[in-house]
Amino acid sequence: MNNPEQFLRSHIEKVVDLTDEEAVFIVSHFEVKNFRKGDFIIEEGNEVKEVYFVLSGLIKLVYEDKDARKHIVSFAMEDWWETDFQAFYTQSKSQLTLECIEDTTVYSLSLENFEKLCSDLSKMERFFLRKSIAGHIGSQQRILSFLTSNARERYEQLLLKNSSLLQRVPKSSLASYLGVSRETLSRLF
């Protein structure tokens, strides 16, 4: 990432315009963090103190059920936001794990700084509201795809929405995300 400040600014300006002073003010609330492939950014059972904006790399959000089966809730790559949002907003312990699939660099934002940005700069409140709504819509679409589509259709939907993700995600993770076994994924595709 050559210029993380400009990358974040460009991302925000897809939703709201910023002055140079506002951009500097916003960036001052974030912290750059680097992780290696296989590192856990969030571990189940720990408090979630931050939300993450991915500058480079690829991460997966995972839920482990009572039978120790892992289910991938989502992936996040460059220009995406991720955390265990429930635990972040309620400052409670995570039910999810956030793991790096690749070496990853993120901007982290604490809840305190998130709230400060929203209260001091109404543009950021509007920005985060739009991102939140888009995330909610995406979650509803994913739930509906599990209710109305078979594995092949879910795979085809993923291809249409984000084909670049498929080249970066291991087949076992892709199978988990689509709700099938790796063997089933191999037979279908």
N, C-alpha and C. Protein backbone atom coordinates (compact mmCIF):
# COMPACT_ATOMS: atom_id res chain seq x y z
N MET A 1 0.85 -1.17 0.00
CA MET A 1 0.00 0.00 0.00
C MET A 1 0.90 1.23 0.00
N ASN A 2 0.94 1.95 -1.10
CA ASN A 2 1.82 3.11 -1.23
C ASN A 2 1.37 4.27 -0.34
N ASN A 3 0.08 4.58 -0.35
CA ASN A 3 -0.41 5.72 0.41
C ASN A 3 -1.73 5.36 1.09
N PRO A 4 -1.65 4.80 2.31
CA PRO A 4 -2.88 4.37 2.98
C PRO A 4 -3.85 5.52 3.24
N GLU A 5 -3.32 6.71 3.52
CA GLU A 5 -4.20 7.85 3.79
C GLU A 5 -5.06 8.18 2.57
N GLN A 6 -4.43 8.18 1.39
CA GLN A 6 -5.16 8.48 0.16
C GLN A 6 -6.15 7.37 -0.19
N PHE A 7 -5.75 6.13 0.10
CA PHE A 7 -6.63 4.98 -0.17
C PHE A 7 -7.91 5.10 0.66
N LEU A 8 -7.75 5.41 1.96
CA LEU A 8 -8.91 5.58 2.83
C LEU A 8 -9.74 6.78 2.38
N ARG A 9 -9.08 7.87 2.06
CA ARG A 9 -9.81 9.06 1.61
C ARG A 9 -10.63 8.76 0.35
N SER A 10 -10.02 8.10 -0.61
CA SER A 10 -10.73 7.75 -1.85
C SER A 10 -11.94 6.86 -1.56
N HIS A 11 -11.76 5.94 -0.62
CA HIS A 11 -12.86 5.05 -0.24
C HIS A 11 -14.02 5.86 0.35
N ILE A 12 -13.71 6.76 1.26
CA ILE A 12 -14.75 7.57 1.90
C ILE A 12 -15.42 8.50 0.88
N GLU A 13 -14.61 9.04 -0.03
CA GLU A 13 -15.15 9.99 -1.01
C GLU A 13 -16.04 9.33 -2.07
N LYS A 14 -16.15 8.02 -2.07
CA LYS A 14 -17.14 7.36 -2.91
C LYS A 14 -18.54 7.63 -2.37
N VAL A 15 -18.60 8.07 -1.10
CA VAL A 15 -19.88 8.32 -0.44
C VAL A 15 -20.07 9.80 -0.11
N VAL A 16 -19.04 10.44 0.45
CA VAL A 16 -19.12 11.86 0.84
C VAL A 16 -17.85 12.57 0.40
N ASP A 17 -17.97 13.85 0.06
CA ASP A 17 -16.80 14.65 -0.29
C ASP A 17 -16.08 15.11 0.98
N LEU A 18 -14.75 15.22 0.88
CA LEU A 18 -13.95 15.66 2.02
C LEU A 18 -13.04 16.80 1.62
N THR A 19 -12.83 17.72 2.55
CA THR A 19 -11.79 18.73 2.37
C THR A 19 -10.48 18.09 2.82
N ASP A 20 -9.37 18.73 2.50
CA ASP A 20 -8.07 18.23 2.94
C ASP A 20 -8.00 18.17 4.46
N GLU A 21 -8.54 19.19 5.12
CA GLU A 21 -8.52 19.23 6.58
C GLU A 21 -9.35 18.09 7.18
N GLU A 22 -10.50 17.82 6.60
CA GLU A 22 -11.34 16.72 7.08
C GLU A 22 -10.63 15.38 6.90
N ALA A 23 -9.98 15.21 5.76
CA ALA A 23 -9.27 13.95 5.51
C ALA A 23 -8.16 13.74 6.54
N VAL A 24 -7.40 14.77 6.84
CA VAL A 24 -6.34 14.66 7.85
C VAL A 24 -6.94 14.33 9.22
N PHE A 25 -8.06 15.00 9.56
CA PHE A 25 -8.74 14.76 10.83
C PHE A 25 -9.20 13.31 10.92
N ILE A 26 -9.78 12.79 9.85
CA ILE A 26 -10.28 11.41 9.84
C ILE A 26 -9.14 10.42 10.01
N VAL A 27 -8.10 10.56 9.21
CA VAL A 27 -6.98 9.62 9.26
C VAL A 27 -6.33 9.61 10.65
N SER A 28 -6.35 10.73 11.34
CA SER A 28 -5.73 10.80 12.67
C SER A 28 -6.42 9.89 13.69
N HIS A 29 -7.60 9.40 13.38
CA HIS A 29 -8.34 8.53 14.29
C HIS A 29 -8.08 7.05 14.04
N PHE A 30 -7.33 6.75 12.98
CA PHE A 30 -7.05 5.36 12.60
C PHE A 30 -5.61 5.00 12.95
N GLU A 31 -5.38 3.70 13.08
CA GLU A 31 -4.03 3.18 13.32
C GLU A 31 -3.76 2.06 12.32
N VAL A 32 -2.60 2.10 11.67
CA VAL A 32 -2.21 1.03 10.74
C VAL A 32 -1.70 -0.16 11.55
N LYS A 33 -2.18 -1.36 11.18
CA LYS A 33 -1.72 -2.60 11.82
C LYS A 33 -1.41 -3.61 10.72
N ASN A 34 -0.34 -4.37 10.96
CA ASN A 34 0.09 -5.39 10.00
C ASN A 34 -0.04 -6.77 10.63
N PHE A 35 -0.51 -7.72 9.83
CA PHE A 35 -0.68 -9.10 10.28
C PHE A 35 -0.10 -10.04 9.23
N ARG A 36 0.33 -11.21 9.67
CA ARG A 36 0.86 -12.23 8.77
C ARG A 36 -0.23 -13.24 8.44
N LYS A 37 -0.07 -13.92 7.33
CA LYS A 37 -0.99 -15.00 6.96
C LYS A 37 -1.11 -15.96 8.15
N GLY A 38 -2.34 -16.31 8.51
CA GLY A 38 -2.59 -17.22 9.63
C GLY A 38 -2.80 -16.52 10.96
N ASP A 39 -2.47 -15.23 11.05
CA ASP A 39 -2.69 -14.49 12.30
C ASP A 39 -4.18 -14.30 12.55
N PHE A 40 -4.55 -14.23 13.82
CA PHE A 40 -5.91 -13.94 14.22
C PHE A 40 -5.98 -12.47 14.63
N ILE A 41 -6.83 -11.72 13.96
CA ILE A 41 -7.05 -10.32 14.33
C ILE A 41 -8.04 -10.27 15.49
N ILE A 42 -9.05 -11.14 15.43
CA ILE A 42 -10.03 -11.29 16.51
C ILE A 42 -10.10 -12.78 16.82
N GLU A 43 -10.14 -13.11 18.10
CA GLU A 43 -10.32 -14.50 18.50
C GLU A 43 -11.62 -14.63 19.28
N GLU A 44 -12.33 -15.72 19.02
CA GLU A 44 -13.58 -15.98 19.73
C GLU A 44 -13.34 -15.93 21.23
N GLY A 45 -14.26 -15.27 21.93
CA GLY A 45 -14.16 -15.16 23.38
C GLY A 45 -13.45 -13.92 23.87
N ASN A 46 -12.80 -13.20 22.97
CA ASN A 46 -12.12 -11.96 23.35
C ASN A 46 -13.01 -10.76 23.06
N GLU A 47 -12.77 -9.67 23.77
CA GLU A 47 -13.49 -8.44 23.48
C GLU A 47 -13.04 -7.89 22.14
N VAL A 48 -13.97 -7.23 21.45
CA VAL A 48 -13.67 -6.65 20.14
C VAL A 48 -13.60 -5.15 20.31
N LYS A 49 -12.40 -4.62 20.18
CA LYS A 49 -12.16 -3.21 20.45
C LYS A 49 -12.17 -2.34 19.20
N GLU A 50 -12.08 -2.98 18.00
CA GLU A 50 -11.89 -2.20 16.78
C GLU A 50 -12.66 -2.77 15.59
N VAL A 51 -12.89 -1.88 14.64
CA VAL A 51 -13.38 -2.26 13.32
C VAL A 51 -12.19 -2.05 12.39
N TYR A 52 -12.13 -2.84 11.30
CA TYR A 52 -10.95 -2.82 10.44
C TYR A 52 -11.31 -2.51 9.00
N PHE A 53 -10.53 -1.61 8.41
CA PHE A 53 -10.61 -1.30 6.99
C PHE A 53 -9.39 -1.92 6.33
N VAL A 54 -9.60 -2.82 5.37
CA VAL A 54 -8.50 -3.57 4.78
C VAL A 54 -7.79 -2.71 3.73
N LEU A 55 -6.51 -2.47 3.98
CA LEU A 55 -5.67 -1.74 3.03
C LEU A 55 -5.05 -2.69 2.02
N SER A 56 -4.61 -3.85 2.48
CA SER A 56 -4.09 -4.89 1.59
C SER A 56 -4.25 -6.23 2.28
N GLY A 57 -4.44 -7.27 1.48
CA GLY A 57 -4.58 -8.61 2.04
C GLY A 57 -5.99 -9.13 1.98
N LEU A 58 -6.21 -10.25 2.66
CA LEU A 58 -7.48 -10.95 2.63
C LEU A 58 -7.70 -11.60 3.99
N ILE A 59 -8.91 -11.43 4.54
CA ILE A 59 -9.26 -11.99 5.84
C ILE A 59 -10.61 -12.70 5.76
N LYS A 60 -10.82 -13.61 6.71
CA LYS A 60 -12.11 -14.31 6.76
C LYS A 60 -12.66 -14.25 8.18
N LEU A 61 -13.98 -14.09 8.25
CA LEU A 61 -14.71 -14.06 9.51
C LEU A 61 -15.35 -15.43 9.67
N VAL A 62 -15.06 -16.11 10.79
CA VAL A 62 -15.43 -17.51 10.96
C VAL A 62 -16.21 -17.71 12.25
N TYR A 63 -17.27 -18.54 12.16
CA TYR A 63 -18.02 -18.99 13.32
C TYR A 63 -17.76 -20.48 13.50
N GLU A 64 -17.41 -20.88 14.73
CA GLU A 64 -17.21 -22.29 15.02
C GLU A 64 -18.39 -22.77 15.87
N ASP A 65 -19.11 -23.79 15.37
CA ASP A 65 -20.30 -24.27 16.08
C ASP A 65 -19.91 -25.23 17.21
N LYS A 66 -20.91 -25.70 17.95
CA LYS A 66 -20.67 -26.55 19.12
C LYS A 66 -20.03 -27.88 18.77
N ASP A 67 -20.13 -28.28 17.49
CA ASP A 67 -19.50 -29.51 17.02
C ASP A 67 -18.12 -29.27 16.42
N ALA A 68 -17.59 -28.07 16.64
CA ALA A 68 -16.26 -27.65 16.15
C ALA A 68 -16.19 -27.54 14.62
N ARG A 69 -17.34 -27.41 13.97
CA ARG A 69 -17.35 -27.16 12.52
C ARG A 69 -17.21 -25.66 12.31
N LYS A 70 -16.36 -25.30 11.38
CA LYS A 70 -16.13 -23.88 11.10
C LYS A 70 -16.96 -23.46 9.90
N HIS A 71 -17.61 -22.30 10.05
CA HIS A 71 -18.46 -21.74 9.00
C HIS A 71 -17.95 -20.35 8.68
N ILE A 72 -17.63 -20.11 7.43
CA ILE A 72 -17.15 -18.78 7.04
C ILE A 72 -18.35 -17.87 6.82
N VAL A 73 -18.38 -16.81 7.58
CA VAL A 73 -19.46 -15.82 7.52
C VAL A 73 -19.21 -14.85 6.37
N SER A 74 -17.94 -14.43 6.22
CA SER A 74 -17.62 -13.47 5.16
C SER A 74 -16.12 -13.44 4.92
N PHE A 75 -15.78 -12.86 3.79
CA PHE A 75 -14.40 -12.54 3.44
C PHE A 75 -14.32 -11.03 3.33
N ALA A 76 -13.13 -10.49 3.53
CA ALA A 76 -12.91 -9.06 3.32
C ALA A 76 -11.52 -8.88 2.72
N MET A 77 -11.47 -8.09 1.66
CA MET A 77 -10.19 -7.78 1.03
C MET A 77 -10.08 -6.28 0.89
N GLU A 78 -9.12 -5.82 0.11
CA GLU A 78 -8.86 -4.40 -0.02
C GLU A 78 -10.15 -3.61 -0.26
N ASP A 79 -10.26 -2.50 0.48
CA ASP A 79 -11.38 -1.57 0.32
C ASP A 79 -12.66 -2.06 1.01
N TRP A 80 -12.54 -3.06 1.90
CA TRP A 80 -13.69 -3.59 2.63
C TRP A 80 -13.48 -3.39 4.12
N TRP A 81 -14.58 -3.35 4.86
CA TRP A 81 -14.58 -3.24 6.32
C TRP A 81 -14.95 -4.59 6.92
N GLU A 82 -14.37 -4.90 8.11
CA GLU A 82 -14.75 -6.15 8.77
C GLU A 82 -14.46 -6.08 10.25
N THR A 83 -15.27 -6.78 11.02
CA THR A 83 -15.11 -7.04 12.45
C THR A 83 -16.25 -7.94 12.87
N ASP A 84 -16.30 -8.31 14.12
CA ASP A 84 -17.51 -8.91 14.68
C ASP A 84 -18.32 -7.70 15.13
N PHE A 85 -19.24 -7.26 14.28
CA PHE A 85 -19.93 -5.98 14.52
C PHE A 85 -20.75 -5.98 15.80
N GLN A 86 -21.40 -7.09 16.12
CA GLN A 86 -22.17 -7.14 17.36
C GLN A 86 -21.26 -6.93 18.56
N ALA A 87 -20.15 -7.64 18.60
CA ALA A 87 -19.23 -7.52 19.73
C ALA A 87 -18.58 -6.13 19.76
N PHE A 88 -18.29 -5.57 18.60
CA PHE A 88 -17.68 -4.24 18.53
C PHE A 88 -18.63 -3.18 19.10
N TYR A 89 -19.86 -3.14 18.59
CA TYR A 89 -20.79 -2.10 19.01
C TYR A 89 -21.25 -2.26 20.46
N THR A 90 -21.30 -3.49 20.95
CA THR A 90 -21.73 -3.71 22.33
C THR A 90 -20.54 -3.86 23.27
N GLN A 91 -19.31 -3.80 22.70
CA GLN A 91 -18.08 -3.98 23.48
C GLN A 91 -18.17 -5.25 24.33
N SER A 92 -18.55 -6.33 23.67
CA SER A 92 -18.68 -7.62 24.33
C SER A 92 -17.71 -8.62 23.71
N LYS A 93 -17.76 -9.83 24.21
CA LYS A 93 -16.86 -10.88 23.72
C LYS A 93 -17.34 -11.41 22.37
N SER A 94 -16.38 -11.70 21.53
CA SER A 94 -16.68 -12.14 20.17
C SER A 94 -17.17 -13.58 20.13
N GLN A 95 -18.11 -13.83 19.25
CA GLN A 95 -18.54 -15.19 18.93
C GLN A 95 -17.85 -15.67 17.66
N LEU A 96 -17.06 -14.78 17.06
CA LEU A 96 -16.44 -15.06 15.77
C LEU A 96 -14.93 -14.90 15.86
N THR A 97 -14.25 -15.43 14.85
CA THR A 97 -12.81 -15.29 14.72
C THR A 97 -12.54 -14.59 13.40
N LEU A 98 -11.60 -13.67 13.40
CA LEU A 98 -11.19 -12.97 12.18
C LEU A 98 -9.74 -13.36 11.91
N GLU A 99 -9.52 -14.10 10.81
CA GLU A 99 -8.22 -14.69 10.51
C GLU A 99 -7.70 -14.20 9.16
N CYS A 100 -6.40 -14.01 9.09
CA CYS A 100 -5.76 -13.57 7.85
C CYS A 100 -5.50 -14.76 6.92
N ILE A 101 -6.01 -14.67 5.71
CA ILE A 101 -5.74 -15.68 4.67
C ILE A 101 -4.44 -15.32 3.96
N GLU A 102 -4.13 -14.05 3.92
CA GLU A 102 -2.89 -13.53 3.33
C GLU A 102 -2.26 -12.57 4.33
N ASP A 103 -1.00 -12.19 4.10
CA ASP A 103 -0.43 -11.08 4.86
C ASP A 103 -1.37 -9.89 4.66
N THR A 104 -1.70 -9.20 5.72
CA THR A 104 -2.76 -8.19 5.67
C THR A 104 -2.35 -6.93 6.43
N THR A 105 -2.68 -5.79 5.83
CA THR A 105 -2.51 -4.49 6.49
C THR A 105 -3.88 -3.85 6.58
N VAL A 106 -4.20 -3.36 7.76
CA VAL A 106 -5.51 -2.74 7.99
C VAL A 106 -5.33 -1.38 8.65
N TYR A 107 -6.37 -0.58 8.51
CA TYR A 107 -6.55 0.59 9.37
C TYR A 107 -7.52 0.13 10.44
N SER A 108 -7.16 0.30 11.71
CA SER A 108 -8.08 -0.04 12.80
C SER A 108 -8.68 1.23 13.36
N LEU A 109 -9.93 1.12 13.79
CA LEU A 109 -10.67 2.25 14.35
C LEU A 109 -11.37 1.77 15.61
N SER A 110 -11.05 2.38 16.75
CA SER A 110 -11.68 2.01 18.02
C SER A 110 -13.11 2.54 18.05
N LEU A 111 -13.92 1.99 18.93
CA LEU A 111 -15.29 2.48 19.09
C LEU A 111 -15.28 3.93 19.55
N GLU A 112 -14.37 4.26 20.44
CA GLU A 112 -14.27 5.65 20.91
C GLU A 112 -13.99 6.60 19.75
N ASN A 113 -13.04 6.25 18.90
CA ASN A 113 -12.73 7.10 17.75
C ASN A 113 -13.83 7.09 16.69
N PHE A 114 -14.48 5.95 16.55
CA PHE A 114 -15.64 5.87 15.65
C PHE A 114 -16.70 6.86 16.09
N GLU A 115 -17.04 6.84 17.38
CA GLU A 115 -18.07 7.74 17.90
C GLU A 115 -17.63 9.19 17.82
N LYS A 116 -16.36 9.46 18.04
CA LYS A 116 -15.84 10.82 17.94
C LYS A 116 -15.94 11.32 16.51
N LEU A 117 -15.56 10.49 15.54
CA LEU A 117 -15.67 10.89 14.14
C LEU A 117 -17.12 11.21 13.78
N CYS A 118 -18.04 10.36 14.22
CA CYS A 118 -19.45 10.56 13.89
C CYS A 118 -20.02 11.81 14.56
N SER A 119 -19.60 12.08 15.79
CA SER A 119 -20.14 13.26 16.47
C SER A 119 -19.49 14.56 16.00
N ASP A 120 -18.21 14.50 15.64
CA ASP A 120 -17.50 15.72 15.23
C ASP A 120 -17.63 16.04 13.75
N LEU A 121 -18.01 15.06 12.96
CA LEU A 121 -18.07 15.25 11.51
C LEU A 121 -19.29 14.49 10.97
N SER A 122 -20.39 15.21 10.76
CA SER A 122 -21.63 14.54 10.35
C SER A 122 -21.47 13.77 9.04
N LYS A 123 -20.52 14.18 8.22
CA LYS A 123 -20.26 13.45 6.98
C LYS A 123 -19.88 12.00 7.27
N MET A 124 -19.13 11.81 8.33
CA MET A 124 -18.69 10.45 8.66
C MET A 124 -19.85 9.62 9.21
N GLU A 125 -20.76 10.25 9.92
CA GLU A 125 -21.94 9.54 10.37
C GLU A 125 -22.74 9.07 9.15
N ARG A 126 -22.88 9.93 8.16
CA ARG A 126 -23.58 9.57 6.92
C ARG A 126 -22.83 8.47 6.18
N PHE A 127 -21.50 8.57 6.13
CA PHE A 127 -20.68 7.55 5.48
C PHE A 127 -20.88 6.19 6.15
N PHE A 128 -20.75 6.14 7.47
CA PHE A 128 -20.89 4.86 8.17
C PHE A 128 -22.31 4.32 8.09
N LEU A 129 -23.30 5.19 8.06
CA LEU A 129 -24.68 4.74 7.89
C LEU A 129 -24.84 4.06 6.53
N ARG A 130 -24.32 4.68 5.49
CA ARG A 130 -24.41 4.08 4.14
C ARG A 130 -23.68 2.74 4.09
N LYS A 131 -22.49 2.66 4.69
CA LYS A 131 -21.74 1.40 4.71
C LYS A 131 -22.51 0.34 5.49
N SER A 132 -23.12 0.74 6.59
CA SER A 132 -23.89 -0.18 7.40
C SER A 132 -25.10 -0.71 6.64
N ILE A 133 -25.80 0.17 5.96
CA ILE A 133 -26.97 -0.25 5.16
C ILE A 133 -26.53 -1.20 4.06
N ALA A 134 -25.43 -0.89 3.38
CA ALA A 134 -24.94 -1.78 2.32
C ALA A 134 -24.57 -3.15 2.89
N GLY A 135 -23.95 -3.17 4.07
CA GLY A 135 -23.62 -4.43 4.71
C GLY A 135 -24.85 -5.22 5.11
N HIS A 136 -25.87 -4.52 5.60
CA HIS A 136 -27.12 -5.18 5.98
C HIS A 136 -27.79 -5.79 4.75
N ILE A 137 -27.81 -5.06 3.67
CA ILE A 137 -28.39 -5.57 2.42
C ILE A 137 -27.61 -6.80 1.96
N GLY A 138 -26.28 -6.73 2.00
CA GLY A 138 -25.46 -7.87 1.61
C GLY A 138 -25.74 -9.09 2.46
N SER A 139 -25.90 -8.89 3.77
CA SER A 139 -26.21 -10.01 4.67
C SER A 139 -27.57 -10.62 4.34
N GLN A 140 -28.56 -9.78 4.08
CA GLN A 140 -29.88 -10.31 3.71
C GLN A 140 -29.81 -11.09 2.40
N GLN A 141 -29.07 -10.59 1.44
CA GLN A 141 -28.94 -11.30 0.17
C GLN A 141 -28.26 -12.65 0.37
N ARG A 142 -27.26 -12.69 1.23
CA ARG A 142 -26.58 -13.96 1.51
C ARG A 142 -27.52 -14.95 2.18
N ILE A 143 -28.30 -14.50 3.16
CA ILE A 143 -29.27 -15.37 3.82
C ILE A 143 -30.29 -15.88 2.81
N LEU A 144 -30.80 -14.98 1.98
CA LEU A 144 -31.79 -15.39 0.97
C LEU A 144 -31.20 -16.39 -0.02
N SER A 145 -29.93 -16.23 -0.36
CA SER A 145 -29.32 -17.17 -1.30
C SER A 145 -29.25 -18.56 -0.68
N PHE A 146 -29.03 -18.66 0.63
CA PHE A 146 -29.02 -19.96 1.28
C PHE A 146 -30.42 -20.57 1.35
N LEU A 147 -31.43 -19.72 1.40
CA LEU A 147 -32.81 -20.21 1.48
C LEU A 147 -33.38 -20.57 0.12
N THR A 148 -32.90 -19.94 -0.93
CA THR A 148 -33.54 -20.09 -2.25
C THR A 148 -32.66 -20.67 -3.34
N SER A 149 -31.37 -20.84 -3.09
CA SER A 149 -30.45 -21.26 -4.14
C SER A 149 -29.70 -22.52 -3.74
N ASN A 150 -29.37 -23.33 -4.74
CA ASN A 150 -28.53 -24.49 -4.46
C ASN A 150 -27.06 -24.06 -4.50
N ALA A 151 -26.17 -24.99 -4.21
CA ALA A 151 -24.74 -24.67 -4.12
C ALA A 151 -24.20 -24.12 -5.44
N ARG A 152 -24.60 -24.70 -6.55
CA ARG A 152 -24.12 -24.22 -7.85
C ARG A 152 -24.57 -22.77 -8.08
N GLU A 153 -25.82 -22.47 -7.75
CA GLU A 153 -26.34 -21.11 -7.94
C GLU A 153 -25.61 -20.12 -7.02
N ARG A 154 -25.32 -20.53 -5.78
CA ARG A 154 -24.58 -19.65 -4.86
C ARG A 154 -23.17 -19.38 -5.40
N TYR A 155 -22.55 -20.41 -5.96
CA TYR A 155 -21.23 -20.25 -6.56
C TYR A 155 -21.29 -19.28 -7.74
N GLU A 156 -22.29 -19.43 -8.59
CA GLU A 156 -22.45 -18.55 -9.75
C GLU A 156 -22.72 -17.10 -9.32
N GLN A 157 -23.50 -16.92 -8.24
CA GLN A 157 -23.74 -15.58 -7.71
C GLN A 157 -22.44 -14.96 -7.22
N LEU A 158 -21.62 -15.77 -6.55
CA LEU A 158 -20.33 -15.28 -6.07
C LEU A 158 -19.42 -14.90 -7.23
N LEU A 159 -19.45 -15.70 -8.28
CA LEU A 159 -18.67 -15.38 -9.49
C LEU A 159 -19.08 -14.04 -10.08
N LEU A 160 -20.38 -13.80 -10.14
CA LEU A 160 -20.88 -12.54 -10.70
C LEU A 160 -20.51 -11.34 -9.82
N LYS A 161 -20.62 -11.51 -8.51
CA LYS A 161 -20.40 -10.39 -7.59
C LYS A 161 -18.93 -10.11 -7.33
N ASN A 162 -18.13 -11.16 -7.27
CA ASN A 162 -16.73 -10.95 -6.91
C ASN A 162 -15.84 -12.08 -7.37
N SER A 163 -15.62 -12.17 -8.65
CA SER A 163 -14.82 -13.26 -9.21
C SER A 163 -13.36 -13.19 -8.76
N SER A 164 -12.83 -12.00 -8.49
CA SER A 164 -11.43 -11.89 -8.07
C SER A 164 -11.19 -12.58 -6.73
N LEU A 165 -12.20 -12.63 -5.91
CA LEU A 165 -12.08 -13.29 -4.61
C LEU A 165 -11.79 -14.78 -4.79
N LEU A 166 -12.38 -15.38 -5.82
CA LEU A 166 -12.25 -16.82 -6.01
C LEU A 166 -10.82 -17.25 -6.29
N GLN A 167 -10.02 -16.41 -6.91
CA GLN A 167 -8.63 -16.76 -7.18
C GLN A 167 -7.76 -16.67 -5.92
N ARG A 168 -8.24 -16.02 -4.89
CA ARG A 168 -7.44 -15.78 -3.68
C ARG A 168 -7.84 -16.66 -2.51
N VAL A 169 -9.00 -17.29 -2.59
CA VAL A 169 -9.53 -18.05 -1.46
C VAL A 169 -9.26 -19.54 -1.66
N PRO A 170 -8.70 -20.21 -0.66
CA PRO A 170 -8.51 -21.67 -0.77
C PRO A 170 -9.85 -22.37 -0.96
N LYS A 171 -9.81 -23.49 -1.69
CA LYS A 171 -11.04 -24.23 -2.00
C LYS A 171 -11.79 -24.66 -0.73
N SER A 172 -11.08 -25.04 0.31
CA SER A 172 -11.76 -25.45 1.54
C SER A 172 -12.52 -24.28 2.16
N SER A 173 -11.96 -23.08 2.10
CA SER A 173 -12.64 -21.90 2.62
C SER A 173 -13.83 -21.53 1.74
N LEU A 174 -13.66 -21.66 0.44
CA LEU A 174 -14.75 -21.37 -0.48
C LEU A 174 -15.92 -22.33 -0.23
N ALA A 175 -15.61 -23.60 -0.02
CA ALA A 175 -16.65 -24.59 0.26
C ALA A 175 -17.40 -24.23 1.54
N SER A 176 -16.67 -23.85 2.58
CA SER A 176 -17.31 -23.46 3.84
C SER A 176 -18.22 -22.25 3.64
N TYR A 177 -17.75 -21.27 2.89
CA TYR A 177 -18.54 -20.07 2.63
C TYR A 177 -19.83 -20.40 1.88
N LEU A 178 -19.74 -21.35 0.95
CA LEU A 178 -20.91 -21.72 0.15
C LEU A 178 -21.81 -22.74 0.87
N GLY A 179 -21.35 -23.25 2.00
CA GLY A 179 -22.16 -24.18 2.78
C GLY A 179 -22.14 -25.60 2.26
N VAL A 180 -21.03 -26.01 1.65
CA VAL A 180 -20.89 -27.37 1.13
C VAL A 180 -19.54 -27.94 1.56
N SER A 181 -19.40 -29.25 1.42
CA SER A 181 -18.09 -29.86 1.71
C SER A 181 -17.15 -29.58 0.53
N ARG A 182 -15.87 -29.75 0.79
CA ARG A 182 -14.89 -29.55 -0.29
C ARG A 182 -15.12 -30.57 -1.40
N GLU A 183 -15.49 -31.78 -1.03
CA GLU A 183 -15.76 -32.82 -2.03
C GLU A 183 -16.95 -32.44 -2.91
N THR A 184 -18.00 -31.93 -2.28
CA THR A 184 -19.17 -31.49 -3.03
C THR A 184 -18.80 -30.35 -3.98
N LEU A 185 -18.00 -29.42 -3.50
CA LEU A 185 -17.56 -28.31 -4.34
C LEU A 185 -16.79 -28.84 -5.55
N SER A 186 -15.91 -29.80 -5.33
CA SER A 186 -15.14 -30.38 -6.45
C SER A 186 -16.04 -31.08 -7.45
N ARG A 187 -17.06 -31.78 -6.97
CA ARG A 187 -17.98 -32.48 -7.88
C ARG A 187 -18.84 -31.51 -8.68
N LEU A 188 -19.25 -30.43 -8.02
CA LEU A 188 -20.13 -29.47 -8.71
C LEU A 188 -19.39 -28.63 -9.74
N PHE A 189 -18.13 -28.36 -9.49
CA PHE A 189 -17.44 -27.42 -10.35
C PHE A 189 -16.20 -28.05 -10.89
